[in-house]
């Protein structure tokens, strides 16, 4: 998403940024470079990035998964929050957009923490499960094609340890998820996953209006 939040008044959002955001030039540089791209709205907001970094530290995460890397801003903030021996597996369908972030990862000394894997994320996650990595990851962030959200959720849940955390982005989908008359495939997929997570006894679940809406699930 862009740096704006459409669910609270602009002056309130400005207040939040001005009084809570601990921004740095290194982070802003990647956001600024992304801002000029046609799909810039896909980038998470800086307050969401800071929130995710806080969750990484709160959960003492060392092993993380990201499904959907785009230009690498979320990977940058997550990798920075991981300990020195932490590792983030970042999944994306091709390397065009992530290549923008890679130079920023390298400039910030974080490239060794980020294992970028190119290809269909379902195949990447399946390979990780087949390699015996189930139950070994601490946190996962899903922000890719919405139609596959359910598949990503199930695989990330398998890969997480008990008490591991999943974050799913864009679950309000610009308000479309709350509009029953909207029946496009992406909206239906988001809606169906939210309903499934609400009833899923394998997790503790909440949805918060940060950015474009973030679902959080802790594996029981």
N, C-alpha and C. Protein backbone atom coordinates (compact mmCIF):
# COMPACT_ATOMS: atom_id res chain seq x y z
N UNK A 1 0.84 -1.20 0.00
CA UNK A 1 0.00 0.00 0.00
C UNK A 1 0.88 1.26 0.00
N UNK A 2 0.25 2.37 -0.26
CA UNK A 2 0.96 3.64 -0.24
C UNK A 2 1.19 4.07 1.19
N UNK A 3 1.77 5.24 1.37
CA UNK A 3 2.06 5.73 2.72
C UNK A 3 0.82 6.32 3.39
N UNK A 4 -0.33 6.35 2.68
CA UNK A 4 -1.55 6.89 3.28
C UNK A 4 -2.41 5.76 3.81
N UNK A 5 -3.21 6.06 4.82
CA UNK A 5 -4.15 5.09 5.39
C UNK A 5 -5.55 5.62 5.14
N UNK A 6 -6.35 4.88 4.39
CA UNK A 6 -7.66 5.36 3.99
C UNK A 6 -8.74 5.14 5.02
N UNK A 7 -8.40 4.60 6.19
CA UNK A 7 -9.42 4.24 7.16
C UNK A 7 -9.48 5.19 8.36
N UNK A 8 -8.57 6.13 8.41
CA UNK A 8 -8.60 7.13 9.46
C UNK A 8 -8.39 8.50 8.82
N UNK A 9 -8.84 9.58 9.45
CA UNK A 9 -8.68 10.91 8.86
C UNK A 9 -7.21 11.23 8.60
N UNK A 10 -6.98 11.99 7.54
CA UNK A 10 -5.61 12.28 7.14
C UNK A 10 -4.83 13.00 8.23
N UNK A 11 -5.48 13.92 8.95
CA UNK A 11 -4.75 14.64 9.99
C UNK A 11 -4.36 13.72 11.14
N UNK A 12 -5.18 12.70 11.40
CA UNK A 12 -4.85 11.72 12.44
C UNK A 12 -3.68 10.85 11.99
N UNK A 13 -3.72 10.45 10.73
CA UNK A 13 -2.62 9.64 10.21
C UNK A 13 -1.31 10.44 10.21
N UNK A 14 -1.38 11.70 9.84
CA UNK A 14 -0.20 12.56 9.89
C UNK A 14 0.34 12.64 11.32
N UNK A 15 -0.57 12.75 12.28
CA UNK A 15 -0.16 12.78 13.69
C UNK A 15 0.58 11.50 14.06
N UNK A 16 0.05 10.36 13.62
CA UNK A 16 0.70 9.08 13.93
C UNK A 16 2.11 9.05 13.36
N UNK A 17 2.25 9.43 12.09
CA UNK A 17 3.57 9.41 11.48
C UNK A 17 4.53 10.36 12.16
N UNK A 18 4.05 11.56 12.45
CA UNK A 18 4.92 12.58 13.03
C UNK A 18 5.36 12.23 14.45
N UNK A 19 4.53 11.48 15.17
CA UNK A 19 4.80 11.25 16.59
C UNK A 19 5.21 9.83 16.95
N UNK A 20 5.14 8.91 15.98
CA UNK A 20 5.53 7.54 16.30
C UNK A 20 6.54 6.94 15.33
N UNK A 21 6.63 7.47 14.11
CA UNK A 21 7.50 6.84 13.13
C UNK A 21 8.97 7.17 13.41
N UNK A 22 9.77 6.14 13.55
CA UNK A 22 11.22 6.29 13.71
C UNK A 22 11.87 5.98 12.36
N UNK A 23 11.76 6.91 11.47
CA UNK A 23 12.23 6.70 10.10
C UNK A 23 13.73 6.97 10.02
N UNK A 24 14.33 6.40 8.99
CA UNK A 24 15.75 6.64 8.73
C UNK A 24 15.94 6.85 7.23
N UNK A 25 16.96 7.60 6.85
CA UNK A 25 17.20 7.85 5.42
C UNK A 25 17.35 6.57 4.61
N UNK A 26 17.95 5.53 5.23
CA UNK A 26 18.16 4.27 4.52
C UNK A 26 16.84 3.60 4.15
N UNK A 27 15.84 3.72 5.03
CA UNK A 27 14.53 3.16 4.74
C UNK A 27 13.78 4.03 3.73
N UNK A 28 13.83 5.33 3.94
CA UNK A 28 13.13 6.26 3.05
C UNK A 28 13.67 6.18 1.62
N UNK A 29 14.94 5.88 1.48
CA UNK A 29 15.54 5.82 0.14
C UNK A 29 14.87 4.76 -0.72
N UNK A 30 14.58 3.61 -0.14
CA UNK A 30 13.91 2.56 -0.91
C UNK A 30 12.46 2.92 -1.17
N UNK A 31 11.78 3.50 -0.20
CA UNK A 31 10.40 3.94 -0.42
C UNK A 31 10.34 4.98 -1.53
N UNK A 32 11.27 5.91 -1.51
CA UNK A 32 11.28 6.97 -2.52
C UNK A 32 11.52 6.40 -3.92
N UNK A 33 12.41 5.43 -4.03
CA UNK A 33 12.67 4.83 -5.33
C UNK A 33 11.45 4.07 -5.83
N UNK A 34 10.74 3.42 -4.91
CA UNK A 34 9.54 2.67 -5.28
C UNK A 34 8.40 3.61 -5.67
N UNK A 35 8.36 4.77 -5.08
CA UNK A 35 7.26 5.71 -5.27
C UNK A 35 7.06 6.11 -6.72
N UNK A 36 8.11 6.04 -7.52
CA UNK A 36 8.03 6.45 -8.91
C UNK A 36 7.56 5.33 -9.85
N UNK A 37 7.33 4.13 -9.31
CA UNK A 37 6.93 2.99 -10.13
C UNK A 37 5.43 2.96 -10.33
N UNK A 38 4.96 2.38 -11.44
CA UNK A 38 3.52 2.32 -11.70
C UNK A 38 2.73 1.59 -10.61
N UNK A 39 3.34 0.59 -9.98
CA UNK A 39 2.64 -0.20 -8.96
C UNK A 39 3.08 0.20 -7.55
N UNK A 40 3.44 1.46 -7.37
CA UNK A 40 3.96 1.92 -6.08
C UNK A 40 3.00 1.67 -4.93
N UNK A 41 1.68 1.61 -5.24
CA UNK A 41 0.69 1.41 -4.18
C UNK A 41 0.84 0.03 -3.51
N UNK A 42 1.61 -0.86 -4.11
CA UNK A 42 1.81 -2.19 -3.52
C UNK A 42 2.77 -2.17 -2.34
N UNK A 43 3.53 -1.09 -2.19
CA UNK A 43 4.48 -1.01 -1.10
C UNK A 43 3.77 -0.78 0.23
N UNK A 44 4.21 -1.47 1.27
CA UNK A 44 3.61 -1.26 2.59
C UNK A 44 3.98 0.14 3.09
N UNK A 45 3.16 0.66 3.97
CA UNK A 45 3.40 1.99 4.53
C UNK A 45 4.51 1.93 5.57
N UNK A 46 5.18 3.05 5.85
CA UNK A 46 6.27 3.04 6.82
C UNK A 46 5.82 2.68 8.23
N UNK A 47 4.61 3.09 8.62
CA UNK A 47 4.13 2.72 9.95
C UNK A 47 3.86 1.23 10.04
N UNK A 48 3.40 0.63 8.94
CA UNK A 48 3.20 -0.81 8.94
C UNK A 48 4.55 -1.53 9.02
N UNK A 49 5.54 -1.02 8.30
CA UNK A 49 6.87 -1.61 8.38
C UNK A 49 7.42 -1.56 9.79
N UNK A 50 7.24 -0.45 10.47
CA UNK A 50 7.72 -0.32 11.85
C UNK A 50 6.97 -1.29 12.76
N UNK A 51 5.67 -1.46 12.53
CA UNK A 51 4.87 -2.40 13.32
C UNK A 51 5.37 -3.83 13.11
N UNK A 52 5.67 -4.18 11.86
CA UNK A 52 6.18 -5.52 11.58
C UNK A 52 7.53 -5.77 12.24
N UNK A 53 8.39 -4.78 12.21
CA UNK A 53 9.69 -4.91 12.86
C UNK A 53 9.52 -5.13 14.36
N UNK A 54 8.55 -4.43 14.95
CA UNK A 54 8.26 -4.60 16.37
C UNK A 54 7.81 -6.03 16.66
N UNK A 55 6.97 -6.58 15.79
CA UNK A 55 6.48 -7.95 15.98
C UNK A 55 7.61 -8.96 15.85
N UNK A 56 8.54 -8.72 14.93
CA UNK A 56 9.70 -9.60 14.80
C UNK A 56 10.47 -9.66 16.12
N UNK A 57 10.67 -8.49 16.72
CA UNK A 57 11.41 -8.45 17.98
C UNK A 57 10.58 -9.00 19.14
N UNK A 58 9.29 -8.72 19.13
CA UNK A 58 8.41 -9.19 20.20
C UNK A 58 8.36 -10.72 20.25
N UNK A 59 8.40 -11.36 19.09
CA UNK A 59 8.32 -12.82 19.02
C UNK A 59 9.70 -13.48 19.08
N UNK A 60 10.75 -12.67 19.21
CA UNK A 60 12.12 -13.21 19.21
C UNK A 60 12.38 -14.05 17.97
N UNK A 61 11.87 -13.61 16.85
CA UNK A 61 11.99 -14.37 15.61
C UNK A 61 13.43 -14.41 15.12
N UNK A 62 13.81 -15.57 14.60
CA UNK A 62 15.11 -15.74 13.96
C UNK A 62 14.95 -16.22 12.51
N UNK A 63 13.84 -16.92 12.25
CA UNK A 63 13.59 -17.46 10.91
C UNK A 63 12.25 -16.94 10.41
N UNK A 64 12.27 -16.28 9.27
CA UNK A 64 11.08 -15.61 8.76
C UNK A 64 10.83 -16.00 7.30
N UNK A 65 9.57 -15.87 6.90
CA UNK A 65 9.15 -16.12 5.52
C UNK A 65 8.40 -14.89 5.03
N UNK A 66 8.64 -14.55 3.77
CA UNK A 66 7.87 -13.49 3.13
C UNK A 66 7.37 -14.01 1.79
N UNK A 67 6.06 -13.91 1.57
CA UNK A 67 5.47 -14.32 0.30
C UNK A 67 5.02 -13.05 -0.42
N UNK A 68 5.77 -12.65 -1.43
CA UNK A 68 5.51 -11.40 -2.13
C UNK A 68 6.47 -10.33 -1.66
N UNK A 69 7.53 -10.09 -2.40
CA UNK A 69 8.60 -9.19 -1.96
C UNK A 69 8.52 -7.80 -2.58
N UNK A 70 7.94 -7.71 -3.78
CA UNK A 70 7.85 -6.46 -4.52
C UNK A 70 9.24 -5.82 -4.59
N UNK A 71 9.41 -4.56 -4.17
CA UNK A 71 10.74 -3.94 -4.26
C UNK A 71 11.56 -4.10 -2.99
N UNK A 72 11.09 -4.91 -2.07
CA UNK A 72 11.94 -5.32 -0.97
C UNK A 72 11.91 -4.47 0.28
N UNK A 73 10.92 -3.56 0.42
CA UNK A 73 10.90 -2.72 1.62
C UNK A 73 10.54 -3.53 2.86
N UNK A 74 9.53 -4.37 2.77
CA UNK A 74 9.16 -5.19 3.93
C UNK A 74 10.30 -6.14 4.29
N UNK A 75 10.97 -6.68 3.28
CA UNK A 75 12.12 -7.55 3.54
C UNK A 75 13.22 -6.77 4.26
N UNK A 76 13.42 -5.53 3.86
CA UNK A 76 14.44 -4.69 4.48
C UNK A 76 14.16 -4.48 5.96
N UNK A 77 12.92 -4.11 6.30
CA UNK A 77 12.62 -3.81 7.70
C UNK A 77 12.59 -5.08 8.55
N UNK A 78 12.13 -6.19 7.97
CA UNK A 78 12.10 -7.44 8.72
C UNK A 78 13.52 -7.96 8.95
N UNK A 79 14.33 -7.97 7.90
CA UNK A 79 15.71 -8.45 8.04
C UNK A 79 16.49 -7.61 9.03
N UNK A 80 16.26 -6.32 9.02
CA UNK A 80 16.95 -5.43 9.96
C UNK A 80 16.57 -5.76 11.40
N UNK A 81 15.31 -6.16 11.61
CA UNK A 81 14.84 -6.47 12.96
C UNK A 81 15.27 -7.85 13.44
N UNK A 82 15.63 -8.72 12.52
CA UNK A 82 16.09 -10.05 12.91
C UNK A 82 17.47 -9.97 13.58
N UNK A 83 17.81 -10.93 14.42
CA UNK A 83 19.15 -10.93 15.02
C UNK A 83 20.21 -11.19 13.96
N UNK A 84 21.47 -11.06 14.34
CA UNK A 84 22.56 -11.19 13.37
C UNK A 84 22.56 -12.54 12.67
N UNK A 85 22.11 -13.58 13.36
CA UNK A 85 22.09 -14.92 12.76
C UNK A 85 20.71 -15.26 12.20
N UNK A 86 19.83 -14.25 12.05
CA UNK A 86 18.50 -14.48 11.52
C UNK A 86 18.51 -14.66 10.01
N UNK A 87 17.44 -15.23 9.49
CA UNK A 87 17.32 -15.47 8.06
C UNK A 87 15.87 -15.26 7.61
N UNK A 88 15.70 -14.56 6.49
CA UNK A 88 14.40 -14.34 5.87
C UNK A 88 14.40 -15.02 4.50
N UNK A 89 13.46 -15.93 4.30
CA UNK A 89 13.23 -16.51 2.98
C UNK A 89 12.19 -15.63 2.28
N UNK A 90 12.59 -14.95 1.23
CA UNK A 90 11.72 -14.02 0.51
C UNK A 90 11.32 -14.65 -0.83
N UNK A 91 10.02 -14.81 -1.04
CA UNK A 91 9.51 -15.48 -2.24
C UNK A 91 8.88 -14.46 -3.20
N UNK A 92 9.26 -14.53 -4.46
CA UNK A 92 8.60 -13.69 -5.46
C UNK A 92 8.60 -14.42 -6.80
N UNK A 93 7.64 -14.05 -7.64
CA UNK A 93 7.44 -14.76 -8.90
C UNK A 93 8.54 -14.48 -9.91
N UNK A 94 9.14 -13.27 -9.87
CA UNK A 94 10.28 -12.97 -10.73
C UNK A 94 11.18 -11.97 -10.02
N UNK A 95 12.34 -11.71 -10.61
CA UNK A 95 13.33 -10.89 -9.90
C UNK A 95 13.34 -9.43 -10.32
N UNK A 96 12.42 -9.01 -11.19
CA UNK A 96 12.45 -7.63 -11.68
C UNK A 96 12.28 -6.62 -10.55
N UNK A 97 11.22 -6.76 -9.75
CA UNK A 97 10.97 -5.82 -8.67
C UNK A 97 11.92 -6.04 -7.49
N UNK A 98 12.14 -7.28 -7.04
CA UNK A 98 13.08 -7.47 -5.93
C UNK A 98 14.49 -6.96 -6.21
N UNK A 99 14.88 -6.93 -7.50
CA UNK A 99 16.24 -6.45 -7.82
C UNK A 99 16.42 -4.99 -7.41
N UNK A 100 15.33 -4.24 -7.35
CA UNK A 100 15.40 -2.85 -6.88
C UNK A 100 15.81 -2.83 -5.42
N UNK A 101 15.22 -3.71 -4.65
CA UNK A 101 15.52 -3.75 -3.22
C UNK A 101 16.87 -4.35 -2.90
N UNK A 102 17.35 -5.26 -3.75
CA UNK A 102 18.60 -5.96 -3.43
C UNK A 102 19.77 -5.01 -3.18
N UNK A 103 19.85 -3.94 -3.97
CA UNK A 103 20.96 -3.01 -3.76
C UNK A 103 20.84 -2.29 -2.43
N UNK A 104 19.58 -2.08 -1.98
CA UNK A 104 19.38 -1.46 -0.66
C UNK A 104 19.68 -2.46 0.46
N UNK A 105 19.34 -3.73 0.24
CA UNK A 105 19.72 -4.76 1.22
C UNK A 105 21.24 -4.80 1.38
N UNK A 106 21.93 -4.78 0.24
CA UNK A 106 23.39 -4.83 0.27
C UNK A 106 23.98 -3.59 0.93
N UNK A 107 23.45 -2.44 0.57
CA UNK A 107 23.96 -1.17 1.13
C UNK A 107 23.82 -1.13 2.64
N UNK A 108 22.76 -1.78 3.15
CA UNK A 108 22.51 -1.79 4.59
C UNK A 108 23.09 -3.01 5.29
N UNK A 109 23.88 -3.79 4.57
CA UNK A 109 24.54 -4.95 5.16
C UNK A 109 23.59 -6.07 5.54
N UNK A 110 22.48 -6.19 4.82
CA UNK A 110 21.46 -7.18 5.17
C UNK A 110 21.30 -8.28 4.12
N UNK A 111 22.04 -8.20 3.02
CA UNK A 111 21.85 -9.15 1.93
C UNK A 111 22.06 -10.59 2.38
N UNK A 112 22.98 -10.82 3.30
CA UNK A 112 23.26 -12.19 3.76
C UNK A 112 22.12 -12.77 4.60
N UNK A 113 21.26 -11.89 5.11
CA UNK A 113 20.12 -12.37 5.90
C UNK A 113 18.93 -12.76 5.03
N UNK A 114 18.92 -12.32 3.77
CA UNK A 114 17.74 -12.48 2.91
C UNK A 114 18.03 -13.49 1.81
N UNK A 115 17.29 -14.58 1.83
CA UNK A 115 17.40 -15.65 0.84
C UNK A 115 16.25 -15.48 -0.15
N UNK A 116 16.51 -14.79 -1.27
CA UNK A 116 15.49 -14.52 -2.27
C UNK A 116 15.30 -15.74 -3.16
N UNK A 117 14.07 -16.24 -3.21
CA UNK A 117 13.78 -17.43 -4.02
C UNK A 117 12.73 -17.05 -5.06
N UNK A 118 13.12 -17.20 -6.33
CA UNK A 118 12.29 -16.78 -7.45
C UNK A 118 11.52 -17.98 -8.01
N UNK A 119 10.22 -17.77 -8.21
CA UNK A 119 9.36 -18.81 -8.75
C UNK A 119 8.00 -18.76 -8.07
N UNK A 120 7.06 -19.60 -8.51
CA UNK A 120 5.75 -19.64 -7.85
C UNK A 120 5.91 -19.95 -6.37
N UNK A 121 5.33 -19.12 -5.52
CA UNK A 121 5.55 -19.25 -4.08
C UNK A 121 5.02 -20.57 -3.53
N UNK A 122 3.91 -21.07 -4.09
CA UNK A 122 3.39 -22.36 -3.63
C UNK A 122 4.45 -23.45 -3.81
N UNK A 123 5.14 -23.42 -4.94
CA UNK A 123 6.19 -24.42 -5.19
C UNK A 123 7.35 -24.23 -4.22
N UNK A 124 7.73 -22.98 -3.98
CA UNK A 124 8.82 -22.71 -3.04
C UNK A 124 8.47 -23.20 -1.64
N UNK A 125 7.26 -22.90 -1.18
CA UNK A 125 6.84 -23.31 0.16
C UNK A 125 6.70 -24.82 0.24
N UNK A 126 6.18 -25.45 -0.80
CA UNK A 126 6.08 -26.91 -0.81
C UNK A 126 7.45 -27.55 -0.72
N UNK A 127 8.42 -26.99 -1.42
CA UNK A 127 9.78 -27.52 -1.37
C UNK A 127 10.36 -27.40 0.03
N UNK A 128 10.05 -26.31 0.71
CA UNK A 128 10.53 -26.13 2.09
C UNK A 128 9.91 -27.17 3.02
N UNK A 129 8.62 -27.44 2.81
CA UNK A 129 7.95 -28.47 3.63
C UNK A 129 8.54 -29.84 3.34
N UNK A 130 8.75 -30.14 2.05
CA UNK A 130 9.31 -31.44 1.67
C UNK A 130 10.74 -31.60 2.18
N UNK A 131 11.43 -30.49 2.39
CA UNK A 131 12.80 -30.53 2.91
C UNK A 131 12.84 -30.71 4.43
N UNK A 132 11.66 -30.87 5.04
CA UNK A 132 11.60 -31.11 6.48
C UNK A 132 11.64 -29.86 7.33
N UNK A 133 11.24 -28.71 6.77
CA UNK A 133 11.33 -27.45 7.51
C UNK A 133 10.04 -27.09 8.24
N UNK A 134 9.05 -27.95 8.21
CA UNK A 134 7.80 -27.67 8.92
C UNK A 134 8.08 -27.44 10.40
N UNK A 135 7.39 -26.44 10.97
CA UNK A 135 7.52 -26.17 12.39
C UNK A 135 8.81 -25.50 12.79
N UNK A 136 9.54 -24.91 11.83
CA UNK A 136 10.85 -24.34 12.17
C UNK A 136 10.94 -22.83 11.96
N UNK A 137 9.87 -22.21 11.49
CA UNK A 137 9.91 -20.76 11.25
C UNK A 137 9.10 -20.03 12.33
N UNK A 138 9.48 -18.79 12.57
CA UNK A 138 8.90 -18.02 13.67
C UNK A 138 7.81 -17.04 13.21
N UNK A 139 7.95 -16.53 12.01
CA UNK A 139 7.03 -15.49 11.55
C UNK A 139 6.93 -15.55 10.03
N UNK A 140 5.74 -15.26 9.50
CA UNK A 140 5.53 -15.25 8.05
C UNK A 140 4.68 -14.05 7.68
N UNK A 141 5.01 -13.44 6.55
CA UNK A 141 4.26 -12.29 6.03
C UNK A 141 3.79 -12.62 4.63
N UNK A 142 2.48 -12.55 4.40
CA UNK A 142 1.89 -12.88 3.11
C UNK A 142 1.35 -11.61 2.46
N UNK A 143 1.89 -11.29 1.27
CA UNK A 143 1.48 -10.07 0.56
C UNK A 143 1.73 -10.28 -0.93
N UNK A 144 0.99 -11.22 -1.51
CA UNK A 144 1.18 -11.56 -2.92
C UNK A 144 -0.18 -11.62 -3.60
N UNK A 145 -0.32 -12.41 -4.66
CA UNK A 145 -1.60 -12.48 -5.38
C UNK A 145 -2.70 -12.99 -4.45
N UNK A 146 -3.79 -12.27 -4.43
CA UNK A 146 -4.84 -12.51 -3.43
C UNK A 146 -5.57 -13.83 -3.67
N UNK A 147 -5.68 -14.24 -4.93
CA UNK A 147 -6.39 -15.47 -5.24
C UNK A 147 -5.73 -16.69 -4.59
N UNK A 148 -4.44 -16.61 -4.31
CA UNK A 148 -3.70 -17.73 -3.72
C UNK A 148 -3.49 -17.59 -2.21
N UNK A 149 -4.10 -16.59 -1.60
CA UNK A 149 -3.89 -16.36 -0.18
C UNK A 149 -4.16 -17.61 0.67
N UNK A 150 -5.23 -18.33 0.35
CA UNK A 150 -5.57 -19.52 1.13
C UNK A 150 -4.48 -20.57 1.07
N UNK A 151 -3.90 -20.75 -0.11
CA UNK A 151 -2.82 -21.73 -0.27
C UNK A 151 -1.57 -21.29 0.48
N UNK A 152 -1.24 -20.01 0.41
CA UNK A 152 -0.08 -19.51 1.13
C UNK A 152 -0.28 -19.67 2.64
N UNK A 153 -1.48 -19.36 3.10
CA UNK A 153 -1.78 -19.45 4.53
C UNK A 153 -1.55 -20.87 5.05
N UNK A 154 -2.07 -21.86 4.36
CA UNK A 154 -1.94 -23.25 4.82
C UNK A 154 -0.48 -23.68 4.86
N UNK A 155 0.27 -23.31 3.87
CA UNK A 155 1.68 -23.72 3.82
C UNK A 155 2.51 -22.99 4.87
N UNK A 156 2.26 -21.70 5.04
CA UNK A 156 3.00 -20.96 6.07
C UNK A 156 2.64 -21.49 7.46
N UNK A 157 1.39 -21.84 7.67
CA UNK A 157 0.99 -22.38 8.96
C UNK A 157 1.74 -23.68 9.24
N UNK A 158 1.90 -24.51 8.23
CA UNK A 158 2.66 -25.75 8.40
C UNK A 158 4.12 -25.47 8.73
N UNK A 159 4.68 -24.44 8.14
CA UNK A 159 6.10 -24.13 8.34
C UNK A 159 6.38 -23.45 9.67
N UNK A 160 5.36 -22.84 10.27
CA UNK A 160 5.56 -22.12 11.53
C UNK A 160 5.66 -23.08 12.71
N UNK A 161 6.43 -22.68 13.70
CA UNK A 161 6.47 -23.37 14.99
C UNK A 161 5.22 -23.04 15.78
N UNK A 162 5.00 -23.77 16.85
CA UNK A 162 3.92 -23.41 17.77
C UNK A 162 4.20 -22.03 18.35
N UNK A 163 3.19 -21.19 18.40
CA UNK A 163 3.24 -19.80 18.81
C UNK A 163 3.90 -18.90 17.77
N UNK A 164 4.14 -19.45 16.57
CA UNK A 164 4.63 -18.63 15.47
C UNK A 164 3.51 -17.73 14.96
N UNK A 165 3.89 -16.67 14.26
CA UNK A 165 2.95 -15.61 13.85
C UNK A 165 2.88 -15.46 12.34
N UNK A 166 1.65 -15.42 11.81
CA UNK A 166 1.41 -15.10 10.41
C UNK A 166 0.79 -13.72 10.30
N UNK A 167 1.29 -12.90 9.38
CA UNK A 167 0.69 -11.61 9.05
C UNK A 167 0.23 -11.67 7.60
N UNK A 168 -1.00 -11.26 7.35
CA UNK A 168 -1.55 -11.26 6.00
C UNK A 168 -1.98 -9.84 5.65
N UNK A 169 -1.45 -9.31 4.56
CA UNK A 169 -1.66 -7.91 4.20
C UNK A 169 -2.87 -7.73 3.28
N UNK A 170 -3.37 -6.51 3.23
CA UNK A 170 -4.45 -6.08 2.31
C UNK A 170 -5.77 -6.80 2.55
N UNK A 171 -6.05 -7.15 3.80
CA UNK A 171 -7.27 -7.91 4.06
C UNK A 171 -8.53 -7.04 4.08
N UNK A 172 -8.38 -5.73 4.07
CA UNK A 172 -9.54 -4.85 3.89
C UNK A 172 -9.70 -4.47 2.42
N UNK A 173 -8.60 -4.53 1.67
CA UNK A 173 -8.62 -4.41 0.21
C UNK A 173 -9.32 -3.13 -0.25
N UNK A 174 -8.89 -2.03 0.37
CA UNK A 174 -9.46 -0.74 0.00
C UNK A 174 -10.92 -0.61 0.34
N UNK A 175 -11.40 -1.40 1.29
CA UNK A 175 -12.81 -1.40 1.68
C UNK A 175 -13.66 -2.38 0.88
N UNK A 176 -13.10 -2.94 -0.19
CA UNK A 176 -13.88 -3.83 -1.04
C UNK A 176 -14.27 -5.12 -0.32
N UNK A 177 -13.43 -5.57 0.62
CA UNK A 177 -13.75 -6.80 1.35
C UNK A 177 -15.04 -6.65 2.15
N UNK A 178 -15.36 -5.43 2.56
CA UNK A 178 -16.56 -5.18 3.36
C UNK A 178 -17.79 -4.87 2.51
N UNK A 179 -17.63 -4.91 1.20
CA UNK A 179 -18.73 -4.58 0.29
C UNK A 179 -19.26 -5.87 -0.33
N UNK A 180 -20.41 -6.39 0.14
CA UNK A 180 -20.92 -7.66 -0.36
C UNK A 180 -21.23 -7.67 -1.85
N UNK A 181 -21.42 -6.49 -2.44
CA UNK A 181 -21.72 -6.44 -3.87
C UNK A 181 -20.47 -6.62 -4.72
N UNK A 182 -19.29 -6.54 -4.10
CA UNK A 182 -18.04 -6.71 -4.83
C UNK A 182 -17.71 -8.20 -4.89
N UNK A 183 -17.70 -8.75 -6.09
CA UNK A 183 -17.51 -10.20 -6.24
C UNK A 183 -16.35 -10.54 -7.17
N UNK A 184 -15.36 -9.65 -7.27
CA UNK A 184 -14.20 -10.02 -8.07
C UNK A 184 -13.40 -11.09 -7.34
N UNK A 185 -12.57 -11.83 -8.06
CA UNK A 185 -11.89 -13.01 -7.51
C UNK A 185 -11.00 -12.67 -6.31
N UNK A 186 -10.27 -11.58 -6.42
CA UNK A 186 -9.36 -11.21 -5.32
C UNK A 186 -10.14 -10.90 -4.05
N UNK A 187 -11.21 -10.14 -4.18
CA UNK A 187 -12.02 -9.78 -3.02
C UNK A 187 -12.64 -11.01 -2.38
N UNK A 188 -13.17 -11.90 -3.19
CA UNK A 188 -13.77 -13.14 -2.67
C UNK A 188 -12.72 -13.97 -1.94
N UNK A 189 -11.52 -14.07 -2.51
CA UNK A 189 -10.46 -14.86 -1.89
C UNK A 189 -10.07 -14.29 -0.53
N UNK A 190 -9.96 -12.97 -0.45
CA UNK A 190 -9.63 -12.33 0.83
C UNK A 190 -10.73 -12.56 1.85
N UNK A 191 -11.96 -12.37 1.42
CA UNK A 191 -13.11 -12.56 2.31
C UNK A 191 -13.17 -14.00 2.83
N UNK A 192 -13.00 -14.95 1.93
CA UNK A 192 -13.08 -16.36 2.31
C UNK A 192 -11.98 -16.74 3.31
N UNK A 193 -10.78 -16.22 3.09
CA UNK A 193 -9.70 -16.53 4.03
C UNK A 193 -9.97 -15.92 5.39
N UNK A 194 -10.45 -14.69 5.43
CA UNK A 194 -10.75 -14.05 6.71
C UNK A 194 -11.80 -14.86 7.47
N UNK A 195 -12.85 -15.30 6.78
CA UNK A 195 -13.88 -16.13 7.41
C UNK A 195 -13.29 -17.44 7.91
N UNK A 196 -12.41 -18.05 7.09
CA UNK A 196 -11.79 -19.30 7.49
C UNK A 196 -10.91 -19.12 8.73
N UNK A 197 -10.15 -18.02 8.75
CA UNK A 197 -9.27 -17.78 9.90
C UNK A 197 -10.07 -17.51 11.17
N UNK A 198 -11.19 -16.83 11.03
CA UNK A 198 -12.03 -16.56 12.20
C UNK A 198 -12.47 -17.87 12.86
N UNK A 199 -12.72 -18.90 12.06
CA UNK A 199 -13.21 -20.18 12.57
C UNK A 199 -12.10 -21.20 12.80
N UNK A 200 -10.86 -20.84 12.47
CA UNK A 200 -9.77 -21.81 12.50
C UNK A 200 -9.28 -22.03 13.94
N UNK A 201 -9.55 -23.21 14.47
CA UNK A 201 -9.18 -23.53 15.85
C UNK A 201 -7.68 -23.77 16.01
N UNK A 202 -6.95 -23.77 14.91
CA UNK A 202 -5.50 -23.97 14.99
C UNK A 202 -4.76 -22.69 15.36
N UNK A 203 -5.46 -21.55 15.32
CA UNK A 203 -4.80 -20.26 15.53
C UNK A 203 -5.61 -19.37 16.45
N UNK A 204 -4.94 -18.41 17.06
CA UNK A 204 -5.59 -17.23 17.66
C UNK A 204 -5.51 -16.13 16.61
N UNK A 205 -6.59 -15.36 16.46
CA UNK A 205 -6.73 -14.52 15.27
C UNK A 205 -7.24 -13.13 15.62
N UNK A 206 -6.71 -12.14 14.87
CA UNK A 206 -7.22 -10.78 14.97
C UNK A 206 -6.97 -10.07 13.64
N UNK A 207 -7.76 -9.03 13.38
CA UNK A 207 -7.57 -8.20 12.18
C UNK A 207 -7.52 -6.76 12.64
N UNK A 208 -6.50 -6.04 12.17
CA UNK A 208 -6.34 -4.65 12.59
C UNK A 208 -6.24 -3.74 11.37
N UNK A 209 -6.79 -2.50 11.46
CA UNK A 209 -6.78 -1.59 10.31
C UNK A 209 -5.49 -0.79 10.19
N UNK A 210 -4.36 -1.50 10.13
CA UNK A 210 -3.07 -0.87 9.83
C UNK A 210 -2.85 -1.01 8.34
N UNK A 211 -2.39 0.06 7.69
CA UNK A 211 -2.22 0.00 6.24
C UNK A 211 -3.56 -0.28 5.57
N UNK A 212 -3.60 -1.33 4.78
CA UNK A 212 -4.83 -1.75 4.11
C UNK A 212 -5.47 -2.93 4.83
N UNK A 213 -5.19 -3.02 6.12
CA UNK A 213 -5.73 -4.12 6.92
C UNK A 213 -4.74 -5.26 7.00
N UNK A 214 -4.44 -5.70 8.21
CA UNK A 214 -3.51 -6.81 8.43
C UNK A 214 -4.18 -7.83 9.34
N UNK A 215 -4.23 -9.08 8.89
CA UNK A 215 -4.68 -10.17 9.75
C UNK A 215 -3.47 -10.76 10.45
N UNK A 216 -3.64 -11.08 11.73
CA UNK A 216 -2.60 -11.70 12.51
C UNK A 216 -3.13 -13.01 13.08
N UNK A 217 -2.35 -14.07 12.95
CA UNK A 217 -2.74 -15.37 13.48
C UNK A 217 -1.54 -16.00 14.18
N UNK A 218 -1.75 -16.42 15.41
CA UNK A 218 -0.71 -17.11 16.17
C UNK A 218 -1.05 -18.59 16.20
N UNK A 219 -0.11 -19.40 15.78
CA UNK A 219 -0.34 -20.85 15.72
C UNK A 219 -0.40 -21.43 17.12
N UNK A 220 -1.48 -22.14 17.41
CA UNK A 220 -1.65 -22.75 18.72
C UNK A 220 -0.77 -23.98 18.89
